[in-house]
Amino acid sequence: MTSGEQIYLVIVLATFGGFGLWVAYNTWRYDRSQAGRPEARRHEPAHHMVGASAD
């Protein structure tokens, strides 16, 4: 394997690895922000219906 091929392989692996870490971080952050919320969110009033009249 030439040095050019090795550099290309390292770049590809770093790109996919970095993307995987980014997805894992965002998933972890979203899960922590939603912790314990499903019960609380179930009883919230629908904000998009506030002020709507049923004529």
N, C-alpha and C. Protein backbone atom coordinates (compact mmCIF):
# COMPACT_ATOMS: atom_id res chain seq x y z
N MET A 1 0.85 -1.17 0.00
CA MET A 1 0.00 0.00 0.00
C MET A 1 0.90 1.24 0.00
N THR A 2 0.64 2.12 -0.92
CA THR A 2 1.48 3.32 -1.01
C THR A 2 1.11 4.32 0.08
N SER A 3 1.96 5.31 0.25
CA SER A 3 1.69 6.31 1.29
C SER A 3 0.44 7.13 0.95
N GLY A 4 0.18 7.35 -0.33
CA GLY A 4 -1.03 8.07 -0.74
C GLY A 4 -2.28 7.30 -0.38
N GLU A 5 -2.25 5.98 -0.58
CA GLU A 5 -3.39 5.14 -0.21
C GLU A 5 -3.59 5.12 1.29
N GLN A 6 -2.50 5.10 2.04
CA GLN A 6 -2.60 5.10 3.50
C GLN A 6 -3.21 6.41 4.00
N ILE A 7 -2.78 7.52 3.41
CA ILE A 7 -3.32 8.82 3.80
C ILE A 7 -4.82 8.88 3.48
N TYR A 8 -5.19 8.38 2.30
CA TYR A 8 -6.60 8.35 1.92
C TYR A 8 -7.40 7.50 2.90
N LEU A 9 -6.89 6.34 3.28
CA LEU A 9 -7.57 5.46 4.21
C LEU A 9 -7.73 6.12 5.57
N VAL A 10 -6.70 6.80 6.04
CA VAL A 10 -6.77 7.49 7.33
C VAL A 10 -7.82 8.60 7.27
N ILE A 11 -7.87 9.35 6.18
CA ILE A 11 -8.85 10.43 6.04
C ILE A 11 -10.27 9.86 6.04
N VAL A 12 -10.50 8.78 5.30
CA VAL A 12 -11.83 8.16 5.24
C VAL A 12 -12.24 7.65 6.62
N LEU A 13 -11.34 6.93 7.30
CA LEU A 13 -11.66 6.40 8.62
C LEU A 13 -11.90 7.52 9.63
N ALA A 14 -11.11 8.58 9.56
CA ALA A 14 -11.30 9.71 10.48
C ALA A 14 -12.64 10.40 10.21
N THR A 15 -13.02 10.50 8.95
CA THR A 15 -14.30 11.14 8.60
C THR A 15 -15.46 10.33 9.17
N PHE A 16 -15.48 9.02 8.91
CA PHE A 16 -16.57 8.19 9.41
C PHE A 16 -16.54 8.10 10.94
N GLY A 17 -15.36 8.02 11.52
CA GLY A 17 -15.25 7.98 12.97
C GLY A 17 -15.73 9.28 13.61
N GLY A 18 -15.36 10.39 13.02
CA GLY A 18 -15.80 11.69 13.53
C GLY A 18 -17.31 11.86 13.42
N PHE A 19 -17.87 11.41 12.30
CA PHE A 19 -19.32 11.49 12.13
C PHE A 19 -20.02 10.61 13.17
N GLY A 20 -19.49 9.43 13.42
CA GLY A 20 -20.06 8.54 14.43
C GLY A 20 -20.02 9.16 15.82
N LEU A 21 -18.91 9.79 16.16
CA LEU A 21 -18.81 10.45 17.46
C LEU A 21 -19.78 11.62 17.56
N TRP A 22 -19.95 12.36 16.47
CA TRP A 22 -20.88 13.49 16.44
C TRP A 22 -22.32 13.01 16.65
N VAL A 23 -22.71 11.93 15.97
CA VAL A 23 -24.05 11.37 16.13
C VAL A 23 -24.24 10.86 17.56
N ALA A 24 -23.24 10.17 18.09
CA ALA A 24 -23.35 9.65 19.46
C ALA A 24 -23.48 10.80 20.46
N TYR A 25 -22.72 11.87 20.28
CA TYR A 25 -22.81 13.01 21.19
C TYR A 25 -24.18 13.66 21.13
N ASN A 26 -24.71 13.88 19.93
CA ASN A 26 -26.02 14.50 19.80
C ASN A 26 -27.12 13.61 20.36
N THR A 27 -27.00 12.31 20.19
CA THR A 27 -27.98 11.38 20.77
C THR A 27 -27.93 11.44 22.28
N TRP A 28 -26.74 11.43 22.85
CA TRP A 28 -26.57 11.51 24.31
C TRP A 28 -27.14 12.82 24.84
N ARG A 29 -26.85 13.93 24.16
CA ARG A 29 -27.33 15.24 24.60
C ARG A 29 -28.86 15.31 24.53
N TYR A 30 -29.45 14.77 23.45
CA TYR A 30 -30.91 14.78 23.32
C TYR A 30 -31.55 13.91 24.40
N ASP A 31 -30.97 12.73 24.65
CA ASP A 31 -31.52 11.84 25.68
C ASP A 31 -31.47 12.50 27.05
N ARG A 32 -30.40 13.21 27.36
CA ARG A 32 -30.31 13.88 28.66
C ARG A 32 -31.29 15.04 28.75
N SER A 33 -31.55 15.75 27.66
CA SER A 33 -32.49 16.87 27.70
C SER A 33 -33.92 16.39 27.83
N GLN A 34 -34.21 15.15 27.42
CA GLN A 34 -35.56 14.61 27.49
C GLN A 34 -35.77 13.71 28.70
N ALA A 35 -34.80 13.62 29.58
CA ALA A 35 -34.87 12.70 30.72
C ALA A 35 -36.04 13.05 31.62
N GLY A 36 -36.90 12.09 31.86
CA GLY A 36 -38.03 12.28 32.75
C GLY A 36 -39.15 13.12 32.19
N ARG A 37 -39.10 13.46 30.94
CA ARG A 37 -40.08 14.35 30.37
C ARG A 37 -41.34 13.71 29.78
N PRO A 38 -41.34 12.47 29.37
CA PRO A 38 -42.54 11.97 28.69
C PRO A 38 -43.82 12.14 29.52
N GLU A 39 -43.76 11.92 30.83
CA GLU A 39 -44.95 12.09 31.65
C GLU A 39 -45.34 13.56 31.74
N ALA A 40 -44.36 14.42 31.91
CA ALA A 40 -44.64 15.85 32.04
C ALA A 40 -45.15 16.41 30.72
N ARG A 41 -44.60 15.98 29.62
CA ARG A 41 -45.01 16.51 28.32
C ARG A 41 -46.40 16.02 27.93
N ARG A 42 -46.80 14.88 28.44
CA ARG A 42 -48.11 14.33 28.09
C ARG A 42 -49.23 15.23 28.60
N HIS A 43 -49.00 15.94 29.73
CA HIS A 43 -50.05 16.75 30.35
C HIS A 43 -49.94 18.23 30.01
N GLU A 44 -48.98 18.61 29.17
CA GLU A 44 -48.87 20.01 28.79
C GLU A 44 -49.99 20.36 27.82
N PRO A 45 -50.51 21.59 27.91
CA PRO A 45 -51.52 21.99 26.92
C PRO A 45 -50.86 22.13 25.54
N ALA A 46 -51.62 21.90 24.53
CA ALA A 46 -51.10 22.04 23.17
C ALA A 46 -50.93 23.52 22.86
N HIS A 47 -49.70 23.97 22.72
CA HIS A 47 -49.43 25.39 22.52
C HIS A 47 -49.93 25.89 21.17
N HIS A 48 -50.02 25.02 20.20
CA HIS A 48 -50.46 25.47 18.88
C HIS A 48 -51.98 25.67 18.85
N MET A 49 -52.68 25.20 19.86
CA MET A 49 -54.13 25.37 19.90
C MET A 49 -54.56 26.51 20.83
N VAL A 50 -53.62 27.13 21.52
CA VAL A 50 -53.96 28.21 22.44
C VAL A 50 -54.50 29.38 21.63
N GLY A 51 -55.65 29.86 22.03
CA GLY A 51 -56.25 31.01 21.35
C GLY A 51 -57.10 30.63 20.16
N ALA A 52 -57.13 29.37 19.81
CA ALA A 52 -57.96 28.95 18.67
C ALA A 52 -59.39 28.82 19.13
N SER A 53 -60.30 29.28 18.33
CA SER A 53 -61.70 29.17 18.70
C SER A 53 -62.36 28.06 17.92
N ALA A 54 -63.32 27.42 18.54
CA ALA A 54 -64.06 26.33 17.88
C ALA A 54 -65.40 26.88 17.42
N ASP A 55 -65.40 27.62 16.34
CA ASP A 55 -66.65 28.22 15.83
C ASP A 55 -67.50 27.22 15.12
